[in-house]
C-alpha atoms as a PDB file:
ATOM      1  CA  MET A   1      25.087  82.276  68.957  1.00  0.00           C
ATOM      2  CA  ILE A   2      27.904  83.694  66.937  1.00  0.00           C
ATOM      3  CA  SER A   3      26.523  87.179  67.094  1.00  0.00           C
ATOM      4  CA  ALA A   4      26.453  86.844  70.952  1.00  0.00           C
ATOM      5  CA  PHE A   5      29.916  85.776  71.025  1.00  0.00           C
ATOM      6  CA  LEU A   6      31.092  88.656  68.805  1.00  0.00           C
ATOM      7  CA  SER A   7      29.001  91.082  71.064  1.00  0.00           C
ATOM      8  CA  ALA A   8      30.882  89.816  74.080  1.00  0.00           C
ATOM      9  CA  LEU A   9      34.229  90.144  72.428  1.00  0.00           C
ATOM     10  CA  LEU A  10      33.406  93.838  71.529  1.00  0.00           C
ATOM     11  CA  ALA A  11      32.299  94.378  75.044  1.00  0.00           C
ATOM     12  CA  ILE A  12      35.466  93.281  76.641  1.00  0.00           C
ATOM     13  CA  GLY A  13      37.463  95.989  74.758  1.00  0.00           C
ATOM     14  CA  LEU A  14      39.934  94.299  72.681  1.00  0.00           C
ATOM     15  CA  PRO A  15      43.266  96.503  72.364  1.00  0.00           C
ATOM     16  CA  ARG A  16      43.352  98.527  69.040  1.00  0.00           C
ATOM     17  CA  GLY A  17      45.981  97.636  66.447  1.00  0.00           C
ATOM     18  CA  SER A  18      47.122  94.150  65.457  1.00  0.00           C
ATOM     19  CA  PRO A  19      50.095  92.276  66.584  1.00  0.00           C
ATOM     20  CA  PRO A  20      53.306  92.957  64.635  1.00  0.00           C
ATOM     21  CA  ALA A  21      54.247  90.572  61.689  1.00  0.00           C
ATOM     22  CA  PRO A  22      57.445  88.836  62.217  1.00  0.00           C
ATOM     23  CA  GLY A  23      59.513  90.959  59.907  1.00  0.00           C
ATOM     24  CA  ASP A  24      58.157  94.385  60.665  1.00  0.00           C
ATOM     25  CA  PRO A  25      60.481  96.749  62.412  1.00  0.00           C
ATOM     26  CA  PRO A  26      59.433  97.622  66.014  1.00  0.00           C
ATOM     27  CA  PRO A  27      57.237 100.706  66.541  1.00  0.00           C
ATOM     28  CA  THR A  28      58.624 103.778  68.283  1.00  0.00           C
ATOM     29  CA  PRO A  29      55.818 105.255  70.234  1.00  0.00           C
ATOM     30  CA  ARG A  30      56.203 108.756  71.595  1.00  0.00           C
ATOM     31  CA  THR A  31      53.413 109.634  74.097  1.00  0.00           C
ATOM     32  CA  GLU A  32      52.621 107.762  77.162  1.00  0.00           C
ATOM     33  CA  GLN A  33      49.228 106.980  75.674  1.00  0.00           C
ATOM     34  CA  GLU A  34      50.821 105.575  72.482  1.00  0.00           C
ATOM     35  CA  VAL A  35      53.114 103.425  74.635  1.00  0.00           C
ATOM     36  CA  ARG A  36      50.083 102.220  76.725  1.00  0.00           C
ATOM     37  CA  GLU A  37      48.344 101.207  73.570  1.00  0.00           C
ATOM     38  CA  GLN A  38      51.269  99.431  72.184  1.00  0.00           C
ATOM     39  CA  VAL A  39      51.611  97.596  75.363  1.00  0.00           C
ATOM     40  CA  GLU A  40      47.961  96.551  75.196  1.00  0.00           C
ATOM     41  CA  VAL A  41      48.418  95.324  71.669  1.00  0.00           C
ATOM     42  CA  TYR A  42      51.434  93.221  72.620  1.00  0.00           C
ATOM     43  CA  LEU A  43      49.850  91.846  75.639  1.00  0.00           C
ATOM     44  CA  GLY A  44      46.735  91.100  73.638  1.00  0.00           C
ATOM     45  CA  SER A  45      48.446  89.212  70.883  1.00  0.00           C
ATOM     46  CA  ILE A  46      47.681  85.579  71.102  1.00  0.00           C
ATOM     47  CA  ASP A  47      49.581  83.718  68.438  1.00  0.00           C
ATOM     48  CA  THR A  48      52.246  86.148  67.795  1.00  0.00           C
ATOM     49  CA  PRO A  49      55.208  86.040  70.190  1.00  0.00           C
ATOM     50  CA  ILE A  50      56.546  89.419  70.884  1.00  0.00           C
ATOM     51  CA  ARG A  51      60.401  89.736  70.507  1.00  0.00           C
ATOM     52  CA  LEU A  52      62.614  91.227  73.071  1.00  0.00           C
ATOM     53  CA  ASP A  53      63.531  94.067  70.700  1.00  0.00           C
ATOM     54  CA  ARG A  54      59.987  95.142  70.226  1.00  0.00           C
ATOM     55  CA  TRP A  55      59.515  95.511  73.931  1.00  0.00           C
ATOM     56  CA  ARG A  56      62.928  97.247  74.126  1.00  0.00           C
ATOM     57  CA  ALA A  57      61.651  99.717  71.586  1.00  0.00           C
ATOM     58  CA  LEU A  58      58.826 100.933  73.770  1.00  0.00           C
ATOM     59  CA  GLY A  59      61.567 102.330  76.110  1.00  0.00           C
ATOM     60  CA  ALA A  60      61.648 103.021  79.753  1.00  0.00           C
ATOM     61  CA  GLN A  61      58.211 104.721  79.409  1.00  0.00           C
ATOM     62  CA  ALA A  62      56.681 101.244  79.272  1.00  0.00           C
ATOM     63  CA  ALA A  63      58.329 100.066  82.609  1.00  0.00           C
ATOM     64  CA  PRO A  64      55.624 101.619  84.915  1.00  0.00           C
ATOM     65  CA  ILE A  65      52.794 100.360  82.874  1.00  0.00           C
ATOM     66  CA  LEU A  66      54.181  96.611  82.475  1.00  0.00           C
ATOM     67  CA  GLU A  67      55.112  96.686  86.153  1.00  0.00           C
ATOM     68  CA  GLU A  68      51.485  97.815  87.119  1.00  0.00           C
ATOM     69  CA  ILE A  69      50.194  94.870  85.088  1.00  0.00           C
ATOM     70  CA  ALA A  70      52.670  92.296  86.163  1.00  0.00           C
ATOM     71  CA  THR A  71      51.845  92.885  89.907  1.00  0.00           C
ATOM     72  CA  SER A  72      48.245  93.352  89.657  1.00  0.00           C
ATOM     73  CA  THR A  73      46.394  90.415  91.232  1.00  0.00           C
ATOM     74  CA  SER A  74      43.290  91.377  89.402  1.00  0.00           C
ATOM     75  CA  GLU A  75      45.053  90.751  86.015  1.00  0.00           C
ATOM     76  CA  LEU A  76      45.018  87.305  84.358  1.00  0.00           C
ATOM     77  CA  PRO A  77      48.177  85.331  85.189  1.00  0.00           C
ATOM     78  CA  THR A  78      48.961  84.766  81.522  1.00  0.00           C
ATOM     79  CA  ARG A  79      48.741  88.506  81.058  1.00  0.00           C
ATOM     80  CA  ARG A  80      50.830  89.226  84.088  1.00  0.00           C
ATOM     81  CA  ALA A  81      53.473  86.756  82.663  1.00  0.00           C
ATOM     82  CA  ARG A  82      53.670  88.476  79.296  1.00  0.00           C
ATOM     83  CA  ALA A  83      54.004  91.787  81.226  1.00  0.00           C
ATOM     84  CA  LEU A  84      56.937  90.420  82.940  1.00  0.00           C
ATOM     85  CA  GLU A  85      58.639  89.398  79.848  1.00  0.00           C
ATOM     86  CA  GLY A  86      58.238  92.945  78.388  1.00  0.00           C
ATOM     87  CA  LEU A  87      59.379  94.408  81.683  1.00  0.00           C
ATOM     88  CA  SER A  88      62.581  92.305  81.741  1.00  0.00           C
ATOM     89  CA  ALA A  89      63.361  93.944  78.335  1.00  0.00           C
ATOM     90  CA  VAL A  90      62.639  97.535  79.283  1.00  0.00           C
ATOM     91  CA  GLY A  91      63.269  97.695  82.895  1.00  0.00           C
ATOM     92  CA  GLY A  92      66.261  98.711  85.132  1.00  0.00           C
ATOM     93  CA  PRO A  93      67.910  97.425  88.207  1.00  0.00           C
ATOM     94  CA  GLU A  94      64.868  97.762  90.376  1.00  0.00           C
ATOM     95  CA  VAL A  95      63.009  95.437  87.950  1.00  0.00           C
ATOM     96  CA  ALA A  96      65.142  92.553  89.085  1.00  0.00           C
ATOM     97  CA  THR A  97      64.181  93.152  92.688  1.00  0.00           C
ATOM     98  CA  ARG A  98      60.508  93.027  91.852  1.00  0.00           C
ATOM     99  CA  MET A  99      60.874  89.786  89.674  1.00  0.00           C
ATOM    100  CA  LEU A 100      62.836  88.296  92.433  1.00  0.00           C
ATOM    101  CA  GLN A 101      60.038  88.705  94.904  1.00  0.00           C
ATOM    102  CA  ILE A 102      57.614  87.231  92.502  1.00  0.00           C
ATOM    103  CA  ALA A 103      59.713  84.367  91.561  1.00  0.00           C
ATOM    104  CA  GLN A 104      60.365  83.394  95.203  1.00  0.00           C
ATOM    105  CA  SER A 105      56.752  83.656  96.244  1.00  0.00           C
ATOM    106  CA  ASP A 106      54.878  80.332  96.464  1.00  0.00           C
ATOM    107  CA  GLU A 107      51.602  82.564  96.480  1.00  0.00           C
ATOM    108  CA  GLN A 108      52.111  83.610  92.850  1.00  0.00           C
ATOM    109  CA  PRO A 109      50.597  81.604  90.004  1.00  0.00           C
ATOM    110  CA  SER A 110      53.092  79.307  88.466  1.00  0.00           C
ATOM    111  CA  VAL A 111      53.143  80.927  84.936  1.00  0.00           C
ATOM    112  CA  VAL A 112      53.877  84.283  86.607  1.00  0.00           C
ATOM    113  CA  ARG A 113      56.711  82.933  88.590  1.00  0.00           C
ATOM    114  CA  MET A 114      58.174  81.217  85.669  1.00  0.00           C
ATOM    115  CA  SER A 115      58.058  84.268  83.616  1.00  0.00           C
ATOM    116  CA  ALA A 116      59.804  86.210  86.444  1.00  0.00           C
ATOM    117  CA  MET A 117      62.491  83.568  86.576  1.00  0.00           C
ATOM    118  CA  ARG A 118      63.224  83.960  82.896  1.00  0.00           C
ATOM    119  CA  GLY A 119      63.280  87.550  83.209  1.00  0.00           C
ATOM    120  CA  LEU A 120      65.892  87.356  86.115  1.00  0.00           C
ATOM    121  CA  GLY A 121      67.898  85.105  83.593  1.00  0.00           C
ATOM    122  CA  ARG A 122      68.077  88.186  81.347  1.00  0.00           C
ATOM    123  CA  LEU A 123      68.586  90.884  84.070  1.00  0.00           C
ATOM    124  CA  MET A 124      71.138  89.441  86.409  1.00  0.00           C
ATOM    125  CA  THR A 125      74.552  88.062  86.132  1.00  0.00           C
ATOM    126  CA  SER A 126      75.330  84.278  86.549  1.00  0.00           C
ATOM    127  CA  ARG A 127      77.053  85.371  89.862  1.00  0.00           C
ATOM    128  CA  GLN A 128      73.695  86.919  91.083  1.00  0.00           C
ATOM    129  CA  LEU A 129      71.412  84.313  89.610  1.00  0.00           C
ATOM    130  CA  VAL A 130      72.456  81.439  91.463  1.00  0.00           C
ATOM    131  CA  PRO A 131      71.905  82.533  95.063  1.00  0.00           C
ATOM    132  CA  ALA A 132      68.674  84.339  93.886  1.00  0.00           C
ATOM    133  CA  LEU A 133      67.095  81.042  92.361  1.00  0.00           C
ATOM    134  CA  ARG A 134      68.720  78.314  94.575  1.00  0.00           C
ATOM    135  CA  PRO A 135      66.089  78.737  97.201  1.00  0.00           C
ATOM    136  CA  VAL A 136      63.222  78.433  94.581  1.00  0.00           C
ATOM    137  CA  LEU A 137      65.072  75.371  93.104  1.00  0.00           C
ATOM    138  CA  GLU A 138      65.539  73.557  96.371  1.00  0.00           C
ATOM    139  CA  LYS A 139      62.335  74.642  98.174  1.00  0.00           C
ATOM    140  CA  SER A 140      59.540  75.341  95.875  1.00  0.00           C
ATOM    141  CA  PRO A 141      56.619  72.781  96.583  1.00  0.00           C
ATOM    142  CA  GLU A 142      55.854  72.510  92.782  1.00  0.00           C
ATOM    143  CA  VAL A 143      58.272  70.330  90.380  1.00  0.00           C
ATOM    144  CA  GLN A 144      57.339  72.692  87.658  1.00  0.00           C
ATOM    145  CA  ILE A 145      58.654  75.674  89.486  1.00  0.00           C
ATOM    146  CA  ARG A 146      61.822  73.874  90.570  1.00  0.00           C
ATOM    147  CA  ALA A 147      62.338  72.552  87.044  1.00  0.00           C
ATOM    148  CA  ALA A 148      62.044  76.072  85.715  1.00  0.00           C
ATOM    149  CA  ALA A 149      64.444  77.497  88.123  1.00  0.00           C
ATOM    150  CA  ALA A 150      66.802  74.647  87.137  1.00  0.00           C
ATOM    151  CA  GLU A 151      66.412  75.420  83.533  1.00  0.00           C
ATOM    152  CA  VAL A 152      66.995  79.252  83.884  1.00  0.00           C
ATOM    153  CA  LEU A 153      70.160  78.529  86.103  1.00  0.00           C
ATOM    154  CA  ALA A 154      71.531  75.910  83.746  1.00  0.00           C
ATOM    155  CA  ARG A 155      70.998  78.191  80.628  1.00  0.00           C
ATOM    156  CA  HIS A 156      72.306  81.384  82.075  1.00  0.00           C
ATOM    157  CA  ALA A 157      74.903  80.245  84.567  1.00  0.00           C
ATOM    158  CA  PRO A 158      76.024  76.864  83.569  1.00  0.00           C
ATOM    159  CA  LYS A 159      79.615  77.119  85.087  1.00  0.00           C
ATOM    160  CA  THR A 160      78.295  77.656  88.533  1.00  0.00           C
ATOM    161  CA  ALA A 161      74.797  76.164  88.526  1.00  0.00           C
ATOM    162  CA  CYS A 162      75.030  72.901  86.958  1.00  0.00           C
ATOM    163  CA  ALA A 163      76.503  71.339  90.218  1.00  0.00           C
ATOM    164  CA  VAL A 164      73.438  72.853  92.102  1.00  0.00           C
ATOM    165  CA  VAL A 165      71.004  71.601  89.486  1.00  0.00           C
ATOM    166  CA  ARG A 166      72.566  68.099  89.475  1.00  0.00           C
ATOM    167  CA  ALA A 167      72.275  67.961  93.386  1.00  0.00           C
ATOM    168  CA  GLN A 168      68.704  68.994  93.129  1.00  0.00           C
ATOM    169  CA  LEU A 169      68.101  66.263  90.528  1.00  0.00           C
ATOM    170  CA  GLY A 170      69.579  63.836  92.972  1.00  0.00           C
ATOM    171  CA  ARG A 171      67.219  64.794  95.815  1.00  0.00           C
ATOM    172  CA  GLU A 172      64.020  64.579  93.340  1.00  0.00           C
ATOM    173  CA  PRO A 173      62.068  61.197  93.052  1.00  0.00           C
ATOM    174  CA  GLU A 174      62.823  59.419  89.780  1.00  0.00           C
ATOM    175  CA  SER A 175      59.304  60.059  88.559  1.00  0.00           C
ATOM    176  CA  GLN A 176      60.169  63.883  88.447  1.00  0.00           C
ATOM    177  CA  HIS A 177      63.413  63.543  86.569  1.00  0.00           C
ATOM    178  CA  GLY A 178      61.703  64.197  83.312  1.00  0.00           C
ATOM    179  CA  ALA A 179      60.781  67.745  84.414  1.00  0.00           C
ATOM    180  CA  TYR A 180      64.541  68.448  84.599  1.00  0.00           C
ATOM    181  CA  ARG A 181      65.131  67.361  80.988  1.00  0.00           C
ATOM    182  CA  ARG A 182      65.918  70.818  79.495  1.00  0.00           C
ATOM    183  CA  ALA A 183      68.121  71.832  82.410  1.00  0.00           C
ATOM    184  CA  MET A 184      70.210  68.797  82.188  1.00  0.00           C
ATOM    185  CA  ALA A 185      70.477  69.049  78.492  1.00  0.00           C
ATOM    186  CA  SER A 186      71.908  72.763  78.993  1.00  0.00           C
ATOM    187  CA  CYS A 187      74.252  71.265  81.700  1.00  0.00           C
ATOM    188  CA  SER A 188      75.786  68.506  79.463  1.00  0.00           C
ATOM    189  CA  VAL A 189      76.689  70.972  76.913  1.00  0.00           C
ATOM    190  CA  PRO A 190      80.619  71.497  77.391  1.00  0.00           C
END
């Protein structure tokens, strides 16, 4: 039984290398192949969160690789979400447009949309963020998506977004208020 499991793991082609230790300096790959291999290592890490500085160290060469993975419907949603996280660290202005499309699409998996929204929080100014995520906050059919939009808005644009978040909370049934706990905690900070 164990040997069959190990054979299956080997057959799927696990990425080479190991995830970085928390104190290790970020690697600086040089060739496209080295960048691709490092992206695969980062996407394959299960228990080790990849810090934004590690993604940034991969440089602009990683952006097309990460975008390809993030937008592929044949990839696992969790893998796409991690690719979006990396893309928000290495990408440029065109990345925000792609992430906004993903965040606003009700056809995307929830984990992918939430990752895109967090990425937008890093890429957009607070002035851009409110009009970008307000439609998601107000119209998404899923409460966890609305709550994620509220959290990103409250965290990254509290001066302009908290009134919008409070108004949405007022429209939600009381049974959904718990989903907005993090957003409201960010809004209550002076």
